[in-house]
Amino acid sequence: MENLPPEALLEVAAYFQVLSEPTRLTILNFLREGERNVGELAQLCGFTAANVSRHLTLMTKHGLVARESRGNSAYYRIADDSIYALCDLVCGNISRQMERTTKSRQAFAKAG
């Protein structure tokens, strides 16, 4: 992030803001398995097609997913696989933090 102009920092912040929504993370996890259309994603996620479509539109706008029309359906796929490296890094960090917290609670319970 060194030496990035303010406009670039705004784009970085917007990118992370897109990733801050659990529904979008769920959609990204399903797209990890391969491309899907809105109906498939809605069924897998348990959300309405309109809700999934709204999230996909935002993720497409920010370059996380790519859209391809085929007949009457639009199919979505990951636009840049590096998103998974980023998510795996963050998820691993969160997992380690949760593990430390659990161990701390267990040690506290034993002491009490």
Protein backbone atom coordinates (compact mmCIF):
# COMPACT_ATOMS: atom_id res chain seq x y z
CA MET A 1 0.00 0.00 0.00
CA GLU A 2 3.03 2.22 0.12
CA ASN A 3 2.93 5.25 -2.14
CA LEU A 4 -0.57 4.57 -3.42
CA PRO A 5 -2.48 7.70 -4.33
CA PRO A 6 -5.69 8.44 -2.40
CA GLU A 7 -7.83 7.29 -5.35
CA ALA A 8 -6.17 3.87 -5.29
CA LEU A 9 -6.65 3.59 -1.53
CA LEU A 10 -10.35 4.27 -2.02
CA GLU A 11 -10.49 1.39 -4.53
CA VAL A 12 -8.69 -0.91 -2.10
CA ALA A 13 -11.14 0.02 0.65
CA ALA A 14 -14.10 -0.59 -1.67
CA TYR A 15 -12.69 -4.01 -2.61
CA PHE A 16 -12.42 -5.03 1.05
CA GLN A 17 -15.88 -3.62 1.72
CA VAL A 18 -17.28 -5.99 -0.92
CA LEU A 19 -15.63 -8.87 0.95
CA SER A 20 -17.07 -7.74 4.29
CA GLU A 21 -20.51 -9.24 3.62
CA PRO A 22 -21.05 -12.89 4.70
CA THR A 23 -23.51 -13.54 1.86
CA ARG A 24 -20.90 -12.58 -0.71
CA LEU A 25 -18.31 -14.80 0.98
CA THR A 26 -20.80 -17.68 0.81
CA ILE A 27 -21.32 -17.05 -2.90
CA LEU A 28 -17.57 -16.94 -3.50
CA ASN A 29 -17.19 -20.27 -1.72
CA PHE A 30 -19.73 -21.87 -4.05
CA LEU A 31 -18.03 -20.33 -7.09
CA ARG A 32 -14.79 -21.95 -5.93
CA GLU A 33 -16.35 -25.23 -7.17
CA GLY A 34 -16.97 -23.78 -10.65
CA GLU A 35 -19.21 -21.41 -12.51
CA ARG A 36 -22.90 -21.21 -11.66
CA ASN A 37 -25.97 -19.22 -12.63
CA VAL A 38 -28.03 -17.08 -10.26
CA GLY A 39 -30.68 -19.76 -9.72
CA GLU A 40 -28.11 -22.39 -8.78
CA LEU A 41 -26.38 -20.03 -6.38
CA ALA A 42 -29.66 -18.95 -4.81
CA GLN A 43 -30.64 -22.56 -4.20
CA LEU A 44 -27.23 -23.46 -2.77
CA CYS A 45 -27.07 -20.39 -0.53
CA GLY A 46 -30.69 -20.45 0.58
CA PHE A 47 -31.26 -16.85 -0.53
CA THR A 48 -33.60 -15.38 -3.12
CA ALA A 49 -32.40 -15.07 -6.70
CA ALA A 50 -32.90 -11.29 -6.46
CA ASN A 51 -30.66 -11.10 -3.39
CA VAL A 52 -27.94 -13.24 -4.98
CA SER A 53 -28.17 -11.23 -8.20
CA ARG A 54 -27.69 -7.98 -6.30
CA HIS A 55 -24.55 -9.33 -4.62
CA LEU A 56 -23.19 -10.72 -7.90
CA THR A 57 -23.70 -7.36 -9.60
CA LEU A 58 -21.60 -5.65 -6.94
CA MET A 59 -18.90 -8.33 -7.08
CA THR A 60 -18.80 -8.05 -10.88
CA LYS A 61 -18.46 -4.26 -10.63
CA HIS A 62 -15.41 -4.67 -8.38
CA GLY A 63 -13.80 -7.37 -10.50
CA LEU A 64 -14.22 -10.33 -8.15
CA VAL A 65 -16.47 -12.30 -10.48
CA ALA A 66 -16.99 -12.37 -14.23
CA ARG A 67 -20.37 -12.72 -15.94
CA GLU A 68 -21.09 -14.57 -19.17
CA SER A 69 -24.50 -14.67 -20.83
CA ARG A 70 -25.65 -17.93 -22.38
CA GLY A 71 -29.14 -17.98 -23.79
CA ASN A 72 -31.51 -16.78 -21.08
CA SER A 73 -29.04 -17.34 -18.24
CA ALA A 74 -26.01 -15.53 -16.94
CA TYR A 75 -23.19 -17.61 -15.53
CA TYR A 76 -20.75 -16.32 -12.98
CA ARG A 77 -17.22 -17.42 -12.23
CA ILE A 78 -14.29 -16.10 -10.26
CA ALA A 79 -12.52 -13.39 -12.24
CA ASP A 80 -9.23 -13.64 -10.35
CA ASP A 81 -8.23 -16.75 -8.40
CA SER A 82 -6.03 -14.64 -6.11
CA ILE A 83 -9.21 -13.82 -4.18
CA TYR A 84 -8.97 -17.31 -2.68
CA ALA A 85 -5.39 -16.78 -1.54
CA LEU A 86 -6.54 -13.61 0.22
CA CYS A 87 -9.58 -15.30 1.78
CA ASP A 88 -7.56 -18.34 2.85
CA LEU A 89 -4.98 -16.07 4.50
CA VAL A 90 -7.63 -14.16 6.43
CA CYS A 91 -9.63 -17.30 7.32
CA GLY A 92 -6.49 -19.01 8.58
CA ASN A 93 -5.70 -16.01 10.76
CA ILE A 94 -9.24 -15.91 12.16
CA SER A 95 -9.11 -19.66 12.84
CA ARG A 96 -5.85 -19.30 14.79
CA GLN A 97 -7.29 -16.40 16.79
CA MET A 98 -10.39 -18.42 17.66
CA GLU A 99 -8.24 -21.38 18.69
CA ARG A 100 -6.15 -19.17 21.01
CA THR A 101 -9.31 -17.69 22.52
CA THR A 102 -10.76 -21.15 23.12
CA LYS A 103 -7.55 -22.30 24.81
CA SER A 104 -7.51 -19.18 26.98
CA ARG A 105 -11.11 -19.76 28.06
CA GLN A 106 -10.38 -23.40 28.87
CA ALA A 107 -7.32 -22.44 30.94
CA PHE A 108 -9.37 -19.80 32.78
CA ALA A 109 -12.15 -22.31 33.50
CA LYS A 110 -9.65 -24.81 34.90
CA ALA A 111 -8.06 -22.16 37.10
CA GLY A 112 -11.43 -21.10 38.50
